[in-house]
Amino acid sequence: MFKRLRKARKMTYVVWAWCLLIVAWAIAGASSAQHGCDQAYQNACDAGTAIGVGVILFIGFFGFVFFSIIWFMTRPKDR
């Protein structure tokens, strides 16, 4: 299994790192959003959190598409 991981292309690691970074960012953004919120405005805080996490995932999706296109373009031709 580890031999197969060592043979992976560099862009494979970039795509995995990007995905892990976006997931960590989304989780951190969702968990830290509740700290500075009044109880009277809880619904507004929840909506803002959802919008913020949605924007993070939107950025992550387009980054994934960008890196995936590069991954396909740098594929070795001998396979």
PDB file of N, CA and C in Angstrom:
ATOM      1  N   MET A   1       0.806  -1.193   0.000  1.00  0.00           N
ATOM      2  CA  MET A   1       0.000   0.000   0.000  1.00  0.00           C
ATOM      3  C   MET A   1       0.852   1.260   0.000  1.00  0.00           C
ATOM      4  N   PHE A   2       1.918   1.275   0.814  1.00  0.00           N
ATOM      5  CA  PHE A   2       2.742   2.465   0.889  1.00  0.00           C
ATOM      6  C   PHE A   2       3.575   2.668  -0.364  1.00  0.00           C
ATOM      7  N   LYS A   3       3.919   1.570  -1.071  1.00  0.00           N
ATOM      8  CA  LYS A   3       4.623   1.728  -2.332  1.00  0.00           C
ATOM      9  C   LYS A   3       3.763   2.462  -3.337  1.00  0.00           C
ATOM     10  N   ARG A   4       2.487   2.147  -3.304  1.00  0.00           N
ATOM     11  CA  ARG A   4       1.566   2.794  -4.224  1.00  0.00           C
ATOM     12  C   ARG A   4       1.437   4.293  -3.897  1.00  0.00           C
ATOM     13  N   LEU A   5       1.460   4.630  -2.617  1.00  0.00           N
ATOM     14  CA  LEU A   5       1.390   6.035  -2.231  1.00  0.00           C
ATOM     15  C   LEU A   5       2.658   6.789  -2.624  1.00  0.00           C
ATOM     16  N   ARG A   6       3.799   6.123  -2.537  1.00  0.00           N
ATOM     17  CA  ARG A   6       5.043   6.776  -2.922  1.00  0.00           C
ATOM     18  C   ARG A   6       5.119   7.022  -4.421  1.00  0.00           C
ATOM     19  N   LYS A   7       4.422   6.205  -5.204  1.00  0.00           N
ATOM     20  CA  LYS A   7       4.432   6.366  -6.651  1.00  0.00           C
ATOM     21  C   LYS A   7       3.425   7.404  -7.143  1.00  0.00           C
ATOM     22  N   ALA A   8       2.620   7.939  -6.249  1.00  0.00           N
ATOM     23  CA  ALA A   8       1.593   8.899  -6.645  1.00  0.00           C
ATOM     24  C   ALA A   8       2.236  10.186  -7.163  1.00  0.00           C
ATOM     25  N   ARG A   9       1.514  10.817  -8.053  1.00  0.00           N
ATOM     26  CA  ARG A   9       2.018  12.069  -8.609  1.00  0.00           C
ATOM     27  C   ARG A   9       1.903  13.195  -7.593  1.00  0.00           C
ATOM     28  N   LYS A  10       2.675  14.262  -7.811  1.00  0.00           N
ATOM     29  CA  LYS A  10       2.676  15.388  -6.879  1.00  0.00           C
ATOM     30  C   LYS A  10       1.317  16.072  -6.839  1.00  0.00           C
ATOM     31  N   MET A  11       0.643  16.157  -7.959  1.00  0.00           N
ATOM     32  CA  MET A  11      -0.661  16.815  -7.985  1.00  0.00           C
ATOM     33  C   MET A  11      -1.702  16.035  -7.193  1.00  0.00           C
ATOM     34  N   THR A  12      -1.512  14.737  -7.035  1.00  0.00           N
ATOM     35  CA  THR A  12      -2.422  13.957  -6.203  1.00  0.00           C
ATOM     36  C   THR A  12      -2.366  14.460  -4.767  1.00  0.00           C
ATOM     37  N   TYR A  13      -1.163  14.723  -4.289  1.00  0.00           N
ATOM     38  CA  TYR A  13      -0.997  15.247  -2.939  1.00  0.00           C
ATOM     39  C   TYR A  13      -1.570  16.652  -2.822  1.00  0.00           C
ATOM     40  N   VAL A  14      -1.449  17.443  -3.870  1.00  0.00           N
ATOM     41  CA  VAL A  14      -2.001  18.800  -3.851  1.00  0.00           C
ATOM     42  C   VAL A  14      -3.522  18.760  -3.762  1.00  0.00           C
ATOM     43  N   VAL A  15      -4.152  17.880  -4.538  1.00  0.00           N
ATOM     44  CA  VAL A  15      -5.614  17.763  -4.512  1.00  0.00           C
ATOM     45  C   VAL A  15      -6.078  17.293  -3.134  1.00  0.00           C
ATOM     46  N   TRP A  16      -5.411  16.303  -2.568  1.00  0.00           N
ATOM     47  CA  TRP A  16      -5.781  15.815  -1.224  1.00  0.00           C
ATOM     48  C   TRP A  16      -5.584  16.902  -0.174  1.00  0.00           C
ATOM     49  N   ALA A  17      -4.472  17.626  -0.262  1.00  0.00           N
ATOM     50  CA  ALA A  17      -4.208  18.690   0.709  1.00  0.00           C
ATOM     51  C   ALA A  17      -5.266  19.788   0.601  1.00  0.00           C
ATOM     52  N   TRP A  18      -5.654  20.134  -0.631  1.00  0.00           N
ATOM     53  CA  TRP A  18      -6.676  21.152  -0.830  1.00  0.00           C
ATOM     54  C   TRP A  18      -8.001  20.716  -0.191  1.00  0.00           C
ATOM     55  N   CYS A  19      -8.397  19.487  -0.431  1.00  0.00           N
ATOM     56  CA  CYS A  19      -9.659  18.984   0.124  1.00  0.00           C
ATOM     57  C   CYS A  19      -9.637  18.977   1.646  1.00  0.00           C
ATOM     58  N   LEU A  20      -8.541  18.538   2.226  1.00  0.00           N
ATOM     59  CA  LEU A  20      -8.432  18.525   3.689  1.00  0.00           C
ATOM     60  C   LEU A  20      -8.431  19.934   4.268  1.00  0.00           C
ATOM     61  N   LEU A  21      -7.777  20.861   3.578  1.00  0.00           N
ATOM     62  CA  LEU A  21      -7.752  22.250   4.030  1.00  0.00           C
ATOM     63  C   LEU A  21      -9.154  22.859   4.014  1.00  0.00           C
ATOM     64  N   ILE A  22      -9.903  22.623   2.956  1.00  0.00           N
ATOM     65  CA  ILE A  22     -11.251  23.180   2.850  1.00  0.00           C
ATOM     66  C   ILE A  22     -12.177  22.576   3.903  1.00  0.00           C
ATOM     67  N   VAL A  23     -12.083  21.278   4.119  1.00  0.00           N
ATOM     68  CA  VAL A  23     -12.931  20.642   5.139  1.00  0.00           C
ATOM     69  C   VAL A  23     -12.584  21.182   6.531  1.00  0.00           C
ATOM     70  N   ALA A  24     -11.306  21.321   6.818  1.00  0.00           N
ATOM     71  CA  ALA A  24     -10.895  21.861   8.120  1.00  0.00           C
ATOM     72  C   ALA A  24     -11.364  23.303   8.284  1.00  0.00           C
ATOM     73  N   TRP A  25     -11.278  24.094   7.227  1.00  0.00           N
ATOM     74  CA  TRP A  25     -11.714  25.490   7.264  1.00  0.00           C
ATOM     75  C   TRP A  25     -13.226  25.576   7.493  1.00  0.00           C
ATOM     76  N   ALA A  26     -13.983  24.720   6.813  1.00  0.00           N
ATOM     77  CA  ALA A  26     -15.435  24.733   6.971  1.00  0.00           C
ATOM     78  C   ALA A  26     -15.836  24.313   8.390  1.00  0.00           C
ATOM     79  N   ILE A  27     -15.192  23.298   8.914  1.00  0.00           N
ATOM     80  CA  ILE A  27     -15.504  22.856  10.279  1.00  0.00           C
ATOM     81  C   ILE A  27     -15.133  23.934  11.298  1.00  0.00           C
ATOM     82  N   ALA A  28     -13.968  24.544  11.128  1.00  0.00           N
ATOM     83  CA  ALA A  28     -13.549  25.599  12.053  1.00  0.00           C
ATOM     84  C   ALA A  28     -14.468  26.810  11.954  1.00  0.00           C
ATOM     85  N   GLY A  29     -14.880  27.164  10.756  1.00  0.00           N
ATOM     86  CA  GLY A  29     -15.791  28.294  10.594  1.00  0.00           C
ATOM     87  C   GLY A  29     -17.149  28.032  11.197  1.00  0.00           C
ATOM     88  N   ALA A  30     -17.641  26.818  11.046  1.00  0.00           N
ATOM     89  CA  ALA A  30     -18.951  26.480  11.606  1.00  0.00           C
ATOM     90  C   ALA A  30     -18.916  26.402  13.129  1.00  0.00           C
ATOM     91  N   SER A  31     -17.824  25.914  13.673  1.00  0.00           N
ATOM     92  CA  SER A  31     -17.772  25.752  15.127  1.00  0.00           C
ATOM     93  C   SER A  31     -17.464  27.059  15.853  1.00  0.00           C
ATOM     94  N   SER A  32     -16.762  27.980  15.216  1.00  0.00           N
ATOM     95  CA  SER A  32     -16.411  29.226  15.900  1.00  0.00           C
ATOM     96  C   SER A  32     -17.460  30.313  15.719  1.00  0.00           C
ATOM     97  N   ALA A  33     -18.466  30.084  14.930  1.00  0.00           N
ATOM     98  CA  ALA A  33     -19.447  31.131  14.637  1.00  0.00           C
ATOM     99  C   ALA A  33     -20.414  31.373  15.788  1.00  0.00           C
ATOM    100  N   GLN A  34     -20.571  30.449  16.687  1.00  0.00           N
ATOM    101  CA  GLN A  34     -21.573  30.570  17.744  1.00  0.00           C
ATOM    102  C   GLN A  34     -21.076  31.316  18.979  1.00  0.00           C
ATOM    103  N   HIS A  35     -19.837  31.706  19.026  1.00  0.00           N
ATOM    104  CA  HIS A  35     -19.287  32.279  20.258  1.00  0.00           C
ATOM    105  C   HIS A  35     -19.726  33.713  20.520  1.00  0.00           C
ATOM    106  N   GLY A  36     -19.875  34.532  19.506  1.00  0.00           N
ATOM    107  CA  GLY A  36     -20.189  35.938  19.750  1.00  0.00           C
ATOM    108  C   GLY A  36     -21.625  36.294  19.422  1.00  0.00           C
ATOM    109  N   CYS A  37     -22.545  35.407  19.688  1.00  0.00           N
ATOM    110  CA  CYS A  37     -23.925  35.606  19.255  1.00  0.00           C
ATOM    111  C   CYS A  37     -24.853  35.771  20.456  1.00  0.00           C
ATOM    112  N   ASP A  38     -25.738  36.784  20.377  1.00  0.00           N
ATOM    113  CA  ASP A  38     -26.780  36.964  21.398  1.00  0.00           C
ATOM    114  C   ASP A  38     -27.864  35.919  21.221  1.00  0.00           C
ATOM    115  N   GLN A  39     -28.530  35.605  22.289  1.00  0.00           N
ATOM    116  CA  GLN A  39     -29.616  34.625  22.222  1.00  0.00           C
ATOM    117  C   GLN A  39     -30.794  35.167  21.418  1.00  0.00           C
ATOM    118  N   ALA A  40     -30.987  36.479  21.428  1.00  0.00           N
ATOM    119  CA  ALA A  40     -32.107  37.078  20.690  1.00  0.00           C
ATOM    120  C   ALA A  40     -31.914  36.994  19.186  1.00  0.00           C
ATOM    121  N   TYR A  41     -30.683  36.925  18.749  1.00  0.00           N
ATOM    122  CA  TYR A  41     -30.387  36.916  17.319  1.00  0.00           C
ATOM    123  C   TYR A  41     -29.834  35.569  16.854  1.00  0.00           C
ATOM    124  N   GLN A  42     -30.242  34.512  17.487  1.00  0.00           N
ATOM    125  CA  GLN A  42     -29.713  33.179  17.190  1.00  0.00           C
ATOM    126  C   GLN A  42     -30.020  32.747  15.757  1.00  0.00           C
ATOM    127  N   ASN A  43     -31.211  33.044  15.263  1.00  0.00           N
ATOM    128  CA  ASN A  43     -31.565  32.658  13.897  1.00  0.00           C
ATOM    129  C   ASN A  43     -30.710  33.384  12.867  1.00  0.00           C
ATOM    130  N   ALA A  44     -30.436  34.657  13.122  1.00  0.00           N
ATOM    131  CA  ALA A  44     -29.584  35.418  12.205  1.00  0.00           C
ATOM    132  C   ALA A  44     -28.157  34.871  12.221  1.00  0.00           C
ATOM    133  N   CYS A  45     -27.673  34.503  13.384  1.00  0.00           N
ATOM    134  CA  CYS A  45     -26.331  33.924  13.485  1.00  0.00           C
ATOM    135  C   CYS A  45     -26.257  32.583  12.761  1.00  0.00           C
ATOM    136  N   ASP A  46     -27.305  31.778  12.894  1.00  0.00           N
ATOM    137  CA  ASP A  46     -27.328  30.491  12.200  1.00  0.00           C
ATOM    138  C   ASP A  46     -27.347  30.675  10.688  1.00  0.00           C
ATOM    139  N   ALA A  47     -28.108  31.660  10.211  1.00  0.00           N
ATOM    140  CA  ALA A  47     -28.156  31.918   8.771  1.00  0.00           C
ATOM    141  C   ALA A  47     -26.805  32.419   8.264  1.00  0.00           C
ATOM    142  N   GLY A  48     -26.171  33.287   9.033  1.00  0.00           N
ATOM    143  CA  GLY A  48     -24.851  33.785   8.645  1.00  0.00           C
ATOM    144  C   GLY A  48     -23.805  32.683   8.621  1.00  0.00           C
ATOM    145  N   THR A  49     -23.898  31.776   9.578  1.00  0.00           N
ATOM    146  CA  THR A  49     -22.981  30.634   9.608  1.00  0.00           C
ATOM    147  C   THR A  49     -23.177  29.754   8.385  1.00  0.00           C
ATOM    148  N   ALA A  50     -24.426  29.505   8.036  1.00  0.00           N
ATOM    149  CA  ALA A  50     -24.705  28.676   6.861  1.00  0.00           C
ATOM    150  C   ALA A  50     -24.206  29.336   5.583  1.00  0.00           C
ATOM    151  N   ILE A  51     -24.380  30.637   5.467  1.00  0.00           N
ATOM    152  CA  ILE A  51     -23.890  31.348   4.288  1.00  0.00           C
ATOM    153  C   ILE A  51     -22.368  31.307   4.239  1.00  0.00           C
ATOM    154  N   GLY A  52     -21.725  31.525   5.371  1.00  0.00           N
ATOM    155  CA  GLY A  52     -20.263  31.499   5.413  1.00  0.00           C
ATOM    156  C   GLY A  52     -19.690  30.135   5.057  1.00  0.00           C
ATOM    157  N   VAL A  53     -20.261  29.079   5.612  1.00  0.00           N
ATOM    158  CA  VAL A  53     -19.796  27.723   5.289  1.00  0.00           C
ATOM    159  C   VAL A  53     -20.088  27.404   3.829  1.00  0.00           C
ATOM    160  N   GLY A  54     -21.207  27.873   3.321  1.00  0.00           N
ATOM    161  CA  GLY A  54     -21.519  27.678   1.903  1.00  0.00           C
ATOM    162  C   GLY A  54     -20.506  28.347   0.992  1.00  0.00           C
ATOM    163  N   VAL A  55     -20.082  29.550   1.340  1.00  0.00           N
ATOM    164  CA  VAL A  55     -19.061  30.256   0.545  1.00  0.00           C
ATOM    165  C   VAL A  55     -17.739  29.499   0.598  1.00  0.00           C
ATOM    166  N   ILE A  56     -17.376  29.007   1.773  1.00  0.00           N
ATOM    167  CA  ILE A  56     -16.133  28.234   1.907  1.00  0.00           C
ATOM    168  C   ILE A  56     -16.187  26.987   1.025  1.00  0.00           C
ATOM    169  N   LEU A  57     -17.299  26.271   1.048  1.00  0.00           N
ATOM    170  CA  LEU A  57     -17.422  25.068   0.230  1.00  0.00           C
ATOM    171  C   LEU A  57     -17.475  25.393  -1.258  1.00  0.00           C
ATOM    172  N   PHE A  58     -18.041  26.545  -1.612  1.00  0.00           N
ATOM    173  CA  PHE A  58     -18.071  27.007  -3.001  1.00  0.00           C
ATOM    174  C   PHE A  58     -16.651  27.269  -3.499  1.00  0.00           C
ATOM    175  N   ILE A  59     -15.855  27.959  -2.694  1.00  0.00           N
ATOM    176  CA  ILE A  59     -14.445  28.202  -3.029  1.00  0.00           C
ATOM    177  C   ILE A  59     -13.701  26.869  -3.133  1.00  0.00           C
ATOM    178  N   GLY A  60     -13.985  25.967  -2.220  1.00  0.00           N
ATOM    179  CA  GLY A  60     -13.339  24.661  -2.234  1.00  0.00           C
ATOM    180  C   GLY A  60     -13.671  23.862  -3.477  1.00  0.00           C
ATOM    181  N   PHE A  61     -14.931  23.944  -3.931  1.00  0.00           N
ATOM    182  CA  PHE A  61     -15.331  23.218  -5.132  1.00  0.00           C
ATOM    183  C   PHE A  61     -14.582  23.728  -6.357  1.00  0.00           C
ATOM    184  N   PHE A  62     -14.508  25.044  -6.526  1.00  0.00           N
ATOM    185  CA  PHE A  62     -13.823  25.578  -7.694  1.00  0.00           C
ATOM    186  C   PHE A  62     -12.314  25.334  -7.625  1.00  0.00           C
ATOM    187  N   GLY A  63     -11.745  25.351  -6.436  1.00  0.00           N
ATOM    188  CA  GLY A  63     -10.336  24.985  -6.299  1.00  0.00           C
ATOM    189  C   GLY A  63     -10.106  23.525  -6.651  1.00  0.00           C
ATOM    190  N   PHE A  64     -11.031  22.665  -6.233  1.00  0.00           N
ATOM    191  CA  PHE A  64     -10.935  21.243  -6.565  1.00  0.00           C
ATOM    192  C   PHE A  64     -11.009  21.026  -8.068  1.00  0.00           C
ATOM    193  N   VAL A  65     -11.915  21.714  -8.733  1.00  0.00           N
ATOM    194  CA  VAL A  65     -12.033  21.593 -10.188  1.00  0.00           C
ATOM    195  C   VAL A  65     -10.746  22.080 -10.863  1.00  0.00           C
ATOM    196  N   PHE A  66     -10.213  23.200 -10.404  1.00  0.00           N
ATOM    197  CA  PHE A  66      -8.970  23.748 -10.959  1.00  0.00           C
ATOM    198  C   PHE A  66      -7.813  22.762 -10.807  1.00  0.00           C
ATOM    199  N   PHE A  67      -7.627  22.243  -9.601  1.00  0.00           N
ATOM    200  CA  PHE A  67      -6.529  21.308  -9.369  1.00  0.00           C
ATOM    201  C   PHE A  67      -6.759  19.970 -10.072  1.00  0.00           C
ATOM    202  N   SER A  68      -7.997  19.565 -10.220  1.00  0.00           N
ATOM    203  CA  SER A  68      -8.289  18.319 -10.933  1.00  0.00           C
ATOM    204  C   SER A  68      -7.965  18.441 -12.414  1.00  0.00           C
ATOM    205  N   ILE A  69      -8.241  19.591 -12.994  1.00  0.00           N
ATOM    206  CA  ILE A  69      -7.885  19.808 -14.403  1.00  0.00           C
ATOM    207  C   ILE A  69      -6.373  19.751 -14.576  1.00  0.00           C
ATOM    208  N   ILE A  70      -5.642  20.366 -13.676  1.00  0.00           N
ATOM    209  CA  ILE A  70      -4.176  20.287 -13.729  1.00  0.00           C
ATOM    210  C   ILE A  70      -3.724  18.846 -13.540  1.00  0.00           C
ATOM    211  N   TRP A  71      -4.380  18.115 -12.634  1.00  0.00           N
ATOM    212  CA  TRP A  71      -4.027  16.715 -12.398  1.00  0.00           C
ATOM    213  C   TRP A  71      -4.197  15.896 -13.675  1.00  0.00           C
ATOM    214  N   PHE A  72      -5.302  16.102 -14.388  1.00  0.00           N
ATOM    215  CA  PHE A  72      -5.521  15.374 -15.641  1.00  0.00           C
ATOM    216  C   PHE A  72      -4.548  15.803 -16.735  1.00  0.00           C
ATOM    217  N   MET A  73      -4.185  17.065 -16.771  1.00  0.00           N
ATOM    218  CA  MET A  73      -3.279  17.554 -17.819  1.00  0.00           C
ATOM    219  C   MET A  73      -1.846  17.065 -17.620  1.00  0.00           C
ATOM    220  N   THR A  74      -1.451  16.774 -16.398  1.00  0.00           N
ATOM    221  CA  THR A  74      -0.074  16.336 -16.123  1.00  0.00           C
ATOM    222  C   THR A  74       0.039  14.827 -16.043  1.00  0.00           C
ATOM    223  N   ARG A  75      -0.955  14.121 -16.524  1.00  0.00           N
ATOM    224  CA  ARG A  75      -0.948  12.660 -16.481  1.00  0.00           C
ATOM    225  C   ARG A  75       0.111  12.107 -17.441  1.00  0.00           C
ATOM    226  N   PRO A  76       0.864  11.091 -17.033  1.00  0.00           N
ATOM    227  CA  PRO A  76       1.842  10.492 -17.932  1.00  0.00           C
ATOM    228  C   PRO A  76       1.149   9.850 -19.130  1.00  0.00           C
ATOM    229  N   LYS A  77       1.778   9.927 -20.278  1.00  0.00           N
ATOM    230  CA  LYS A  77       1.170   9.420 -21.506  1.00  0.00           C
ATOM    231  C   LYS A  77       1.391   7.928 -21.724  1.00  0.00           C
ATOM    232  N   ASP A  78       2.281   7.296 -20.978  1.00  0.00           N
ATOM    233  CA  ASP A  78       2.638   5.896 -21.213  1.00  0.00           C
ATOM    234  C   ASP A  78       1.675   4.905 -20.571  1.00  0.00           C
ATOM    235  N   ARG A  79       0.690   5.321 -19.863  1.00  0.00           N
ATOM    236  CA  ARG A  79      -0.233   4.389 -19.197  1.00  0.00           C
ATOM    237  C   ARG A  79      -1.408   4.069 -20.071  1.00  0.00           C
TER     238      ARG A  79
END
